[in-house]
Amino acid sequence: MKGVKLIKANHPSLNPLYIFISPPSIASLKTRLTGRGTETEESMQARLGAAIGELEYAKEKGAFDVVVVNDELERAYKVLRGVIVEGKEEGDKLPEFEKEK
């Protein structure tokens, strides 16, 4: 999110394609982070808080050109590849998220 904002503010002539990779839900993101075994409770809460902020930003009109929901690896890859390699202009719809932690 910070990188996207910086590029938009400082380099508008670059005209990049902004792609947001979204978790299917906050619960699934928490499960993935927990499963890695690399997060303390404090860092987990910080990561989830940051993710919620990024999801809120992604909801803004024009924040990203395409959304890819990382629910199933092969399906998400197919969507991403379609956008990048095949020039498709449509990705996924951003899921509705509850502000759960």
PDB file of N, CA and C in Angstrom:
ATOM      1  N   MET A   1       0.829  -1.179   0.000  1.00  0.00           N
ATOM      2  CA  MET A   1       0.000   0.000   0.000  1.00  0.00           C
ATOM      3  C   MET A   1       0.878   1.250   0.000  1.00  0.00           C
ATOM      4  N   LYS A   2       1.901   1.264   0.852  1.00  0.00           N
ATOM      5  CA  LYS A   2       2.777   2.434   0.911  1.00  0.00           C
ATOM      6  C   LYS A   2       3.493   2.646  -0.410  1.00  0.00           C
ATOM      7  N   GLY A   3       3.959   1.550  -1.002  1.00  0.00           N
ATOM      8  CA  GLY A   3       4.641   1.641  -2.292  1.00  0.00           C
ATOM      9  C   GLY A   3       3.729   2.158  -3.387  1.00  0.00           C
ATOM     10  N   VAL A   4       2.508   1.686  -3.396  1.00  0.00           N
ATOM     11  CA  VAL A   4       1.542   2.135  -4.398  1.00  0.00           C
ATOM     12  C   VAL A   4       1.297   3.635  -4.245  1.00  0.00           C
ATOM     13  N   LYS A   5       1.100   4.076  -3.015  1.00  0.00           N
ATOM     14  CA  LYS A   5       0.859   5.503  -2.780  1.00  0.00           C
ATOM     15  C   LYS A   5       2.050   6.344  -3.202  1.00  0.00           C
ATOM     16  N   LEU A   6       3.259   5.869  -2.910  1.00  0.00           N
ATOM     17  CA  LEU A   6       4.468   6.615  -3.285  1.00  0.00           C
ATOM     18  C   LEU A   6       4.621   6.702  -4.801  1.00  0.00           C
ATOM     19  N   ILE A   7       4.403   5.603  -5.488  1.00  0.00           N
ATOM     20  CA  ILE A   7       4.530   5.619  -6.945  1.00  0.00           C
ATOM     21  C   ILE A   7       3.472   6.523  -7.555  1.00  0.00           C
ATOM     22  N   LYS A   8       2.240   6.430  -7.076  1.00  0.00           N
ATOM     23  CA  LYS A   8       1.177   7.286  -7.608  1.00  0.00           C
ATOM     24  C   LYS A   8       1.481   8.765  -7.386  1.00  0.00           C
ATOM     25  N   ALA A   9       2.016   9.090  -6.212  1.00  0.00           N
ATOM     26  CA  ALA A   9       2.293  10.491  -5.879  1.00  0.00           C
ATOM     27  C   ALA A   9       3.533  11.034  -6.586  1.00  0.00           C
ATOM     28  N   ASN A  10       4.557  10.204  -6.746  1.00  0.00           N
ATOM     29  CA  ASN A  10       5.841  10.709  -7.227  1.00  0.00           C
ATOM     30  C   ASN A  10       6.219  10.326  -8.652  1.00  0.00           C
ATOM     31  N   HIS A  11       5.539   9.349  -9.216  1.00  0.00           N
ATOM     32  CA  HIS A  11       5.907   8.883 -10.552  1.00  0.00           C
ATOM     33  C   HIS A  11       4.675   8.583 -11.412  1.00  0.00           C
ATOM     34  N   PRO A  12       3.798   9.555 -11.588  1.00  0.00           N
ATOM     35  CA  PRO A  12       2.571   9.284 -12.342  1.00  0.00           C
ATOM     36  C   PRO A  12       2.828   8.918 -13.802  1.00  0.00           C
ATOM     37  N   SER A  13       3.976   9.291 -14.336  1.00  0.00           N
ATOM     38  CA  SER A  13       4.260   8.988 -15.745  1.00  0.00           C
ATOM     39  C   SER A  13       4.618   7.523 -15.975  1.00  0.00           C
ATOM     40  N   LEU A  14       4.887   6.761 -14.929  1.00  0.00           N
ATOM     41  CA  LEU A  14       5.250   5.354 -15.098  1.00  0.00           C
ATOM     42  C   LEU A  14       4.086   4.514 -15.618  1.00  0.00           C
ATOM     43  N   ASN A  15       2.880   4.858 -15.242  1.00  0.00           N
ATOM     44  CA  ASN A  15       1.673   4.162 -15.685  1.00  0.00           C
ATOM     45  C   ASN A  15       1.726   2.647 -15.447  1.00  0.00           C
ATOM     46  N   PRO A  16       2.012   2.222 -14.210  1.00  0.00           N
ATOM     47  CA  PRO A  16       2.082   0.784 -13.927  1.00  0.00           C
ATOM     48  C   PRO A  16       0.690   0.160 -13.802  1.00  0.00           C
ATOM     49  N   LEU A  17       0.679  -1.153 -13.770  1.00  0.00           N
ATOM     50  CA  LEU A  17      -0.532  -1.913 -13.508  1.00  0.00           C
ATOM     51  C   LEU A  17      -0.515  -2.254 -12.024  1.00  0.00           C
ATOM     52  N   TYR A  18      -1.490  -1.781 -11.288  1.00  0.00           N
ATOM     53  CA  TYR A  18      -1.551  -2.009  -9.841  1.00  0.00           C
ATOM     54  C   TYR A  18      -2.411  -3.234  -9.551  1.00  0.00           C
ATOM     55  N   ILE A  19      -1.784  -4.270  -8.984  1.00  0.00           N
ATOM     56  CA  ILE A  19      -2.471  -5.525  -8.680  1.00  0.00           C
ATOM     57  C   ILE A  19      -2.450  -5.752  -7.177  1.00  0.00           C
ATOM     58  N   PHE A  20      -3.618  -6.015  -6.608  1.00  0.00           N
ATOM     59  CA  PHE A  20      -3.731  -6.298  -5.178  1.00  0.00           C
ATOM     60  C   PHE A  20      -3.997  -7.779  -4.991  1.00  0.00           C
ATOM     61  N   ILE A  21      -3.125  -8.453  -4.244  1.00  0.00           N
ATOM     62  CA  ILE A  21      -3.316  -9.865  -3.914  1.00  0.00           C
ATOM     63  C   ILE A  21      -4.004  -9.904  -2.555  1.00  0.00           C
ATOM     64  N   SER A  22      -5.214 -10.410  -2.542  1.00  0.00           N
ATOM     65  CA  SER A  22      -6.055 -10.389  -1.348  1.00  0.00           C
ATOM     66  C   SER A  22      -6.214 -11.771  -0.737  1.00  0.00           C
ATOM     67  N   PRO A  23      -6.225 -11.846   0.594  1.00  0.00           N
ATOM     68  CA  PRO A  23      -6.609 -13.118   1.213  1.00  0.00           C
ATOM     69  C   PRO A  23      -8.114 -13.298   1.034  1.00  0.00           C
ATOM     70  N   PRO A  24      -8.595 -14.535   1.093  1.00  0.00           N
ATOM     71  CA  PRO A  24     -10.040 -14.737   0.959  1.00  0.00           C
ATOM     72  C   PRO A  24     -10.824 -14.237   2.170  1.00  0.00           C
ATOM     73  N   SER A  25     -10.160 -14.183   3.332  1.00  0.00           N
ATOM     74  CA  SER A  25     -10.793 -13.662   4.550  1.00  0.00           C
ATOM     75  C   SER A  25      -9.704 -13.338   5.570  1.00  0.00           C
ATOM     76  N   ILE A  26     -10.061 -12.560   6.564  1.00  0.00           N
ATOM     77  CA  ILE A  26      -9.125 -12.258   7.650  1.00  0.00           C
ATOM     78  C   ILE A  26      -8.822 -13.533   8.429  1.00  0.00           C
ATOM     79  N   ALA A  27      -9.837 -14.366   8.619  1.00  0.00           N
ATOM     80  CA  ALA A  27      -9.638 -15.628   9.346  1.00  0.00           C
ATOM     81  C   ALA A  27      -8.629 -16.521   8.625  1.00  0.00           C
ATOM     82  N   SER A  28      -8.723 -16.599   7.308  1.00  0.00           N
ATOM     83  CA  SER A  28      -7.785 -17.441   6.563  1.00  0.00           C
ATOM     84  C   SER A  28      -6.382 -16.858   6.614  1.00  0.00           C
ATOM     85  N   LEU A  29      -6.270 -15.541   6.587  1.00  0.00           N
ATOM     86  CA  LEU A  29      -4.958 -14.909   6.715  1.00  0.00           C
ATOM     87  C   LEU A  29      -4.343 -15.235   8.071  1.00  0.00           C
ATOM     88  N   LYS A  30      -5.145 -15.140   9.124  1.00  0.00           N
ATOM     89  CA  LYS A  30      -4.658 -15.460  10.467  1.00  0.00           C
ATOM     90  C   LYS A  30      -4.220 -16.928  10.546  1.00  0.00           C
ATOM     91  N   THR A  31      -4.989 -17.816   9.946  1.00  0.00           N
ATOM     92  CA  THR A  31      -4.641 -19.239   9.937  1.00  0.00           C
ATOM     93  C   THR A  31      -3.315 -19.465   9.211  1.00  0.00           C
ATOM     94  N   ARG A  32      -3.144 -18.803   8.078  1.00  0.00           N
ATOM     95  CA  ARG A  32      -1.884 -18.938   7.320  1.00  0.00           C
ATOM     96  C   ARG A  32      -0.699 -18.433   8.131  1.00  0.00           C
ATOM     97  N   LEU A  33      -0.858 -17.274   8.751  1.00  0.00           N
ATOM     98  CA  LEU A  33       0.240 -16.714   9.552  1.00  0.00           C
ATOM     99  C   LEU A  33       0.555 -17.597  10.754  1.00  0.00           C
ATOM    100  N   THR A  34      -0.471 -18.102  11.396  1.00  0.00           N
ATOM    101  CA  THR A  34      -0.278 -18.982  12.549  1.00  0.00           C
ATOM    102  C   THR A  34       0.424 -20.266  12.120  1.00  0.00           C
ATOM    103  N   GLY A  35       0.026 -20.805  10.990  1.00  0.00           N
ATOM    104  CA  GLY A  35       0.592 -22.044  10.485  1.00  0.00           C
ATOM    105  C   GLY A  35       2.071 -21.964  10.174  1.00  0.00           C
ATOM    106  N   ARG A  36       2.553 -20.785   9.866  1.00  0.00           N
ATOM    107  CA  ARG A  36       3.978 -20.620   9.582  1.00  0.00           C
ATOM    108  C   ARG A  36       4.828 -20.770  10.834  1.00  0.00           C
ATOM    109  N   GLY A  37       4.229 -20.449  11.977  1.00  0.00           N
ATOM    110  CA  GLY A  37       4.962 -20.549  13.236  1.00  0.00           C
ATOM    111  C   GLY A  37       6.043 -19.503  13.409  1.00  0.00           C
ATOM    112  N   THR A  38       5.946 -18.396  12.701  1.00  0.00           N
ATOM    113  CA  THR A  38       6.979 -17.359  12.762  1.00  0.00           C
ATOM    114  C   THR A  38       6.531 -16.100  13.491  1.00  0.00           C
ATOM    115  N   GLU A  39       5.279 -16.040  13.889  1.00  0.00           N
ATOM    116  CA  GLU A  39       4.729 -14.821  14.462  1.00  0.00           C
ATOM    117  C   GLU A  39       4.495 -14.951  15.964  1.00  0.00           C
ATOM    118  N   THR A  40       4.851 -13.901  16.691  1.00  0.00           N
ATOM    119  CA  THR A  40       4.447 -13.807  18.090  1.00  0.00           C
ATOM    120  C   THR A  40       3.025 -13.268  18.095  1.00  0.00           C
ATOM    121  N   GLU A  41       2.367 -13.312  19.233  1.00  0.00           N
ATOM    122  CA  GLU A  41       1.002 -12.769  19.308  1.00  0.00           C
ATOM    123  C   GLU A  41       1.018 -11.279  18.959  1.00  0.00           C
ATOM    124  N   GLU A  42       2.029 -10.580  19.431  1.00  0.00           N
ATOM    125  CA  GLU A  42       2.140  -9.143  19.154  1.00  0.00           C
ATOM    126  C   GLU A  42       2.356  -8.883  17.662  1.00  0.00           C
ATOM    127  N   SER A  43       3.258  -9.625  17.046  1.00  0.00           N
ATOM    128  CA  SER A  43       3.506  -9.409  15.618  1.00  0.00           C
ATOM    129  C   SER A  43       2.302  -9.849  14.779  1.00  0.00           C
ATOM    130  N   MET A  44       1.597 -10.877  15.244  1.00  0.00           N
ATOM    131  CA  MET A  44       0.383 -11.330  14.557  1.00  0.00           C
ATOM    132  C   MET A  44      -0.659 -10.211  14.539  1.00  0.00           C
ATOM    133  N   GLN A  45      -0.873  -9.584  15.678  1.00  0.00           N
ATOM    134  CA  GLN A  45      -1.846  -8.496  15.752  1.00  0.00           C
ATOM    135  C   GLN A  45      -1.415  -7.322  14.875  1.00  0.00           C
ATOM    136  N   ALA A  46      -0.119  -7.033  14.839  1.00  0.00           N
ATOM    137  CA  ALA A  46       0.380  -5.947  13.990  1.00  0.00           C
ATOM    138  C   ALA A  46       0.172  -6.277  12.514  1.00  0.00           C
ATOM    139  N   ARG A  47       0.458  -7.513  12.122  1.00  0.00           N
ATOM    140  CA  ARG A  47       0.287  -7.921  10.729  1.00  0.00           C
ATOM    141  C   ARG A  47      -1.181  -7.888  10.321  1.00  0.00           C
ATOM    142  N   LEU A  48      -2.055  -8.363  11.197  1.00  0.00           N
ATOM    143  CA  LEU A  48      -3.483  -8.348  10.885  1.00  0.00           C
ATOM    144  C   LEU A  48      -4.012  -6.916  10.804  1.00  0.00           C
ATOM    145  N   GLY A  49      -3.537  -6.068  11.705  1.00  0.00           N
ATOM    146  CA  GLY A  49      -3.937  -4.656  11.655  1.00  0.00           C
ATOM    147  C   GLY A  49      -3.498  -3.994  10.363  1.00  0.00           C
ATOM    148  N   ALA A  50      -2.266  -4.281   9.948  1.00  0.00           N
ATOM    149  CA  ALA A  50      -1.763  -3.730   8.686  1.00  0.00           C
ATOM    150  C   ALA A  50      -2.587  -4.261   7.510  1.00  0.00           C
ATOM    151  N   ALA A  51      -2.912  -5.546   7.552  1.00  0.00           N
ATOM    152  CA  ALA A  51      -3.700  -6.152   6.474  1.00  0.00           C
ATOM    153  C   ALA A  51      -5.074  -5.501   6.365  1.00  0.00           C
ATOM    154  N   ILE A  52      -5.688  -5.237   7.494  1.00  0.00           N
ATOM    155  CA  ILE A  52      -6.999  -4.579   7.480  1.00  0.00           C
ATOM    156  C   ILE A  52      -6.889  -3.190   6.856  1.00  0.00           C
ATOM    157  N   GLY A  53      -5.833  -2.464   7.197  1.00  0.00           N
ATOM    158  CA  GLY A  53      -5.606  -1.147   6.584  1.00  0.00           C
ATOM    159  C   GLY A  53      -5.421  -1.249   5.078  1.00  0.00           C
ATOM    160  N   GLU A  54      -4.673  -2.255   4.640  1.00  0.00           N
ATOM    161  CA  GLU A  54      -4.459  -2.452   3.212  1.00  0.00           C
ATOM    162  C   GLU A  54      -5.755  -2.834   2.498  1.00  0.00           C
ATOM    163  N   LEU A  55      -6.569  -3.636   3.144  1.00  0.00           N
ATOM    164  CA  LEU A  55      -7.857  -4.016   2.555  1.00  0.00           C
ATOM    165  C   LEU A  55      -8.786  -2.813   2.454  1.00  0.00           C
ATOM    166  N   GLU A  56      -8.764  -1.962   3.454  1.00  0.00           N
ATOM    167  CA  GLU A  56      -9.570  -0.737   3.403  1.00  0.00           C
ATOM    168  C   GLU A  56      -9.112   0.143   2.239  1.00  0.00           C
ATOM    169  N   TYR A  57      -7.810   0.264   2.065  1.00  0.00           N
ATOM    170  CA  TYR A  57      -7.270   1.049   0.951  1.00  0.00           C
ATOM    171  C   TYR A  57      -7.678   0.418  -0.385  1.00  0.00           C
ATOM    172  N   ALA A  58      -7.619  -0.915  -0.470  1.00  0.00           N
ATOM    173  CA  ALA A  58      -7.959  -1.606  -1.713  1.00  0.00           C
ATOM    174  C   ALA A  58      -9.412  -1.376  -2.119  1.00  0.00           C
ATOM    175  N   LYS A  59     -10.273  -1.076  -1.151  1.00  0.00           N
ATOM    176  CA  LYS A  59     -11.684  -0.821  -1.447  1.00  0.00           C
ATOM    177  C   LYS A  59     -11.890   0.515  -2.162  1.00  0.00           C
ATOM    178  N   GLU A  60     -10.935   1.429  -2.021  1.00  0.00           N
ATOM    179  CA  GLU A  60     -11.079   2.756  -2.621  1.00  0.00           C
ATOM    180  C   GLU A  60     -11.077   2.642  -4.148  1.00  0.00           C
ATOM    181  N   LYS A  61     -11.938   3.401  -4.763  1.00  0.00           N
ATOM    182  CA  LYS A  61     -12.019   3.407  -6.222  1.00  0.00           C
ATOM    183  C   LYS A  61     -10.686   3.881  -6.801  1.00  0.00           C
ATOM    184  N   GLY A  62     -10.140   3.101  -7.701  1.00  0.00           N
ATOM    185  CA  GLY A  62      -8.898   3.483  -8.372  1.00  0.00           C
ATOM    186  C   GLY A  62      -7.626   3.141  -7.622  1.00  0.00           C
ATOM    187  N   ALA A  63      -7.743   2.528  -6.449  1.00  0.00           N
ATOM    188  CA  ALA A  63      -6.542   2.189  -5.684  1.00  0.00           C
ATOM    189  C   ALA A  63      -5.710   1.144  -6.432  1.00  0.00           C
ATOM    190  N   PHE A  64      -6.376   0.144  -6.994  1.00  0.00           N
ATOM    191  CA  PHE A  64      -5.710  -0.918  -7.741  1.00  0.00           C
ATOM    192  C   PHE A  64      -6.468  -1.160  -9.034  1.00  0.00           C
ATOM    193  N   ASP A  65      -5.757  -1.606 -10.046  1.00  0.00           N
ATOM    194  CA  ASP A  65      -6.397  -1.906 -11.321  1.00  0.00           C
ATOM    195  C   ASP A  65      -7.073  -3.274 -11.302  1.00  0.00           C
ATOM    196  N   VAL A  66      -6.456  -4.207 -10.585  1.00  0.00           N
ATOM    197  CA  VAL A  66      -6.936  -5.587 -10.566  1.00  0.00           C
ATOM    198  C   VAL A  66      -6.776  -6.162  -9.165  1.00  0.00           C
ATOM    199  N   VAL A  67      -7.725  -6.981  -8.769  1.00  0.00           N
ATOM    200  CA  VAL A  67      -7.651  -7.727  -7.511  1.00  0.00           C
ATOM    201  C   VAL A  67      -7.549  -9.207  -7.856  1.00  0.00           C
ATOM    202  N   VAL A  68      -6.647  -9.910  -7.155  1.00  0.00           N
ATOM    203  CA  VAL A  68      -6.552 -11.363  -7.267  1.00  0.00           C
ATOM    204  C   VAL A  68      -6.729 -11.920  -5.861  1.00  0.00           C
ATOM    205  N   VAL A  69      -7.740 -12.755  -5.670  1.00  0.00           N
ATOM    206  CA  VAL A  69      -7.982 -13.360  -4.364  1.00  0.00           C
ATOM    207  C   VAL A  69      -7.164 -14.655  -4.289  1.00  0.00           C
ATOM    208  N   ASN A  70      -6.287 -14.726  -3.311  1.00  0.00           N
ATOM    209  CA  ASN A  70      -5.402 -15.871  -3.138  1.00  0.00           C
ATOM    210  C   ASN A  70      -6.104 -16.947  -2.311  1.00  0.00           C
ATOM    211  N   ASP A  71      -7.118 -17.547  -2.910  1.00  0.00           N
ATOM    212  CA  ASP A  71      -7.881 -18.580  -2.214  1.00  0.00           C
ATOM    213  C   ASP A  71      -7.368 -19.973  -2.568  1.00  0.00           C
ATOM    214  N   GLU A  72      -7.226 -20.240  -3.837  1.00  0.00           N
ATOM    215  CA  GLU A  72      -6.674 -21.505  -4.318  1.00  0.00           C
ATOM    216  C   GLU A  72      -5.520 -21.150  -5.250  1.00  0.00           C
ATOM    217  N   LEU A  73      -4.349 -21.685  -4.987  1.00  0.00           N
ATOM    218  CA  LEU A  73      -3.138 -21.288  -5.698  1.00  0.00           C
ATOM    219  C   LEU A  73      -3.278 -21.358  -7.213  1.00  0.00           C
ATOM    220  N   GLU A  74      -3.725 -22.472  -7.739  1.00  0.00           N
ATOM    221  CA  GLU A  74      -3.815 -22.627  -9.200  1.00  0.00           C
ATOM    222  C   GLU A  74      -4.804 -21.638  -9.816  1.00  0.00           C
ATOM    223  N   ARG A  75      -5.943 -21.438  -9.163  1.00  0.00           N
ATOM    224  CA  ARG A  75      -6.945 -20.506  -9.683  1.00  0.00           C
ATOM    225  C   ARG A  75      -6.425 -19.081  -9.644  1.00  0.00           C
ATOM    226  N   ALA A  76      -5.820 -18.692  -8.502  1.00  0.00           N
ATOM    227  CA  ALA A  76      -5.292 -17.335  -8.364  1.00  0.00           C
ATOM    228  C   ALA A  76      -4.171 -17.091  -9.375  1.00  0.00           C
ATOM    229  N   TYR A  77      -3.315 -18.092  -9.569  1.00  0.00           N
ATOM    230  CA  TYR A  77      -2.242 -17.967 -10.557  1.00  0.00           C
ATOM    231  C   TYR A  77      -2.813 -17.767 -11.960  1.00  0.00           C
ATOM    232  N   LYS A  78      -3.863 -18.507 -12.282  1.00  0.00           N
ATOM    233  CA  LYS A  78      -4.486 -18.387 -13.605  1.00  0.00           C
ATOM    234  C   LYS A  78      -5.023 -16.966 -13.827  1.00  0.00           C
ATOM    235  N   VAL A  79      -5.645 -16.403 -12.800  1.00  0.00           N
ATOM    236  CA  VAL A  79      -6.157 -15.033 -12.903  1.00  0.00           C
ATOM    237  C   VAL A  79      -4.995 -14.050 -13.076  1.00  0.00           C
ATOM    238  N   LEU A  80      -3.963 -14.187 -12.240  1.00  0.00           N
ATOM    239  CA  LEU A  80      -2.808 -13.299 -12.305  1.00  0.00           C
ATOM    240  C   LEU A  80      -2.109 -13.406 -13.658  1.00  0.00           C
ATOM    241  N   ARG A  81      -1.900 -14.618 -14.107  1.00  0.00           N
ATOM    242  CA  ARG A  81      -1.250 -14.834 -15.406  1.00  0.00           C
ATOM    243  C   ARG A  81      -2.088 -14.235 -16.534  1.00  0.00           C
ATOM    244  N   GLY A  82      -3.401 -14.397 -16.444  1.00  0.00           N
ATOM    245  CA  GLY A  82      -4.277 -13.830 -17.454  1.00  0.00           C
ATOM    246  C   GLY A  82      -4.134 -12.322 -17.563  1.00  0.00           C
ATOM    247  N   VAL A  83      -3.981 -11.672 -16.434  1.00  0.00           N
ATOM    248  CA  VAL A  83      -3.846 -10.213 -16.425  1.00  0.00           C
ATOM    249  C   VAL A  83      -2.471  -9.796 -16.949  1.00  0.00           C
ATOM    250  N   ILE A  84      -1.425 -10.441 -16.442  1.00  0.00           N
ATOM    251  CA  ILE A  84      -0.068 -10.014 -16.788  1.00  0.00           C
ATOM    252  C   ILE A  84       0.351 -10.470 -18.179  1.00  0.00           C
ATOM    253  N   VAL A  85       0.131 -11.726 -18.493  1.00  0.00           N
ATOM    254  CA  VAL A  85       0.631 -12.282 -19.750  1.00  0.00           C
ATOM    255  C   VAL A  85      -0.350 -12.088 -20.897  1.00  0.00           C
ATOM    256  N   GLU A  86      -1.624 -12.327 -20.629  1.00  0.00           N
ATOM    257  CA  GLU A  86      -2.623 -12.289 -21.692  1.00  0.00           C
ATOM    258  C   GLU A  86      -3.306 -10.939 -21.839  1.00  0.00           C
ATOM    259  N   GLY A  87      -3.026 -10.023 -20.920  1.00  0.00           N
ATOM    260  CA  GLY A  87      -3.594  -8.686 -21.029  1.00  0.00           C
ATOM    261  C   GLY A  87      -5.053  -8.572 -20.641  1.00  0.00           C
ATOM    262  N   LYS A  88      -5.564  -9.568 -19.931  1.00  0.00           N
ATOM    263  CA  LYS A  88      -6.956  -9.478 -19.489  1.00  0.00           C
ATOM    264  C   LYS A  88      -7.081  -8.321 -18.508  1.00  0.00           C
ATOM    265  N   GLU A  89      -8.221  -7.680 -18.526  1.00  0.00           N
ATOM    266  CA  GLU A  89      -8.404  -6.496 -17.697  1.00  0.00           C
ATOM    267  C   GLU A  89      -9.218  -6.760 -16.444  1.00  0.00           C
ATOM    268  N   GLU A  90      -9.699  -7.973 -16.296  1.00  0.00           N
ATOM    269  CA  GLU A  90     -10.569  -8.257 -15.166  1.00  0.00           C
ATOM    270  C   GLU A  90      -9.970  -9.339 -14.278  1.00  0.00           C
ATOM    271  N   GLY A  91     -10.024  -9.091 -12.985  1.00  0.00           N
ATOM    272  CA  GLY A  91      -9.567 -10.071 -12.011  1.00  0.00           C
ATOM    273  C   GLY A  91     -10.737 -10.523 -11.178  1.00  0.00           C
ATOM    274  N   ASP A  92     -10.504 -10.628  -9.884  1.00  0.00           N
ATOM    275  CA  ASP A  92     -11.541 -11.041  -8.952  1.00  0.00           C
ATOM    276  C   ASP A  92     -12.208  -9.822  -8.321  1.00  0.00           C
ATOM    277  N   LYS A  93     -13.301 -10.096  -7.667  1.00  0.00           N
ATOM    278  CA  LYS A  93     -13.967  -9.075  -6.858  1.00  0.00           C
ATOM    279  C   LYS A  93     -13.357  -9.140  -5.454  1.00  0.00           C
ATOM    280  N   LEU A  94     -13.071  -8.012  -4.870  1.00  0.00           N
ATOM    281  CA  LEU A  94     -12.533  -7.966  -3.515  1.00  0.00           C
ATOM    282  C   LEU A  94     -13.582  -8.509  -2.551  1.00  0.00           C
ATOM    283  N   PRO A  95     -13.227  -9.536  -1.750  1.00  0.00           N
ATOM    284  CA  PRO A  95     -14.206 -10.100  -0.808  1.00  0.00           C
ATOM    285  C   PRO A  95     -14.635  -9.063   0.236  1.00  0.00           C
ATOM    286  N   GLU A  96     -15.805  -9.276   0.786  1.00  0.00           N
ATOM    287  CA  GLU A  96     -16.259  -8.460   1.909  1.00  0.00           C
ATOM    288  C   GLU A  96     -15.524  -8.955   3.151  1.00  0.00           C
ATOM    289  N   PHE A  97     -14.969  -8.072   3.906  1.00  0.00           N
ATOM    290  CA  PHE A  97     -14.222  -8.455   5.095  1.00  0.00           C
ATOM    291  C   PHE A  97     -14.842  -7.867   6.335  1.00  0.00           C
ATOM    292  N   GLU A  98     -14.921  -8.719   7.343  1.00  0.00           N
ATOM    293  CA  GLU A  98     -15.325  -8.237   8.663  1.00  0.00           C
ATOM    294  C   GLU A  98     -14.051  -7.834   9.382  1.00  0.00           C
ATOM    295  N   LYS A  99     -14.147  -6.845  10.218  1.00  0.00           N
ATOM    296  CA  LYS A  99     -12.976  -6.372  10.942  1.00  0.00           C
ATOM    297  C   LYS A  99     -12.724  -7.233  12.175  1.00  0.00           C
ATOM    298  N   GLU A 100     -12.515  -8.513  11.922  1.00  0.00           N
ATOM    299  CA  GLU A 100     -12.248  -9.444  13.009  1.00  0.00           C
ATOM    300  C   GLU A 100     -10.753  -9.520  13.240  1.00  0.00           C
ATOM    301  N   LYS A 101     -10.341  -9.824  14.426  1.00  0.00           N
ATOM    302  CA  LYS A 101      -8.929 -10.028  14.721  1.00  0.00           C
ATOM    303  C   LYS A 101      -8.865 -11.246  15.532  1.00  0.00           C
TER     304      LYS A 101
END
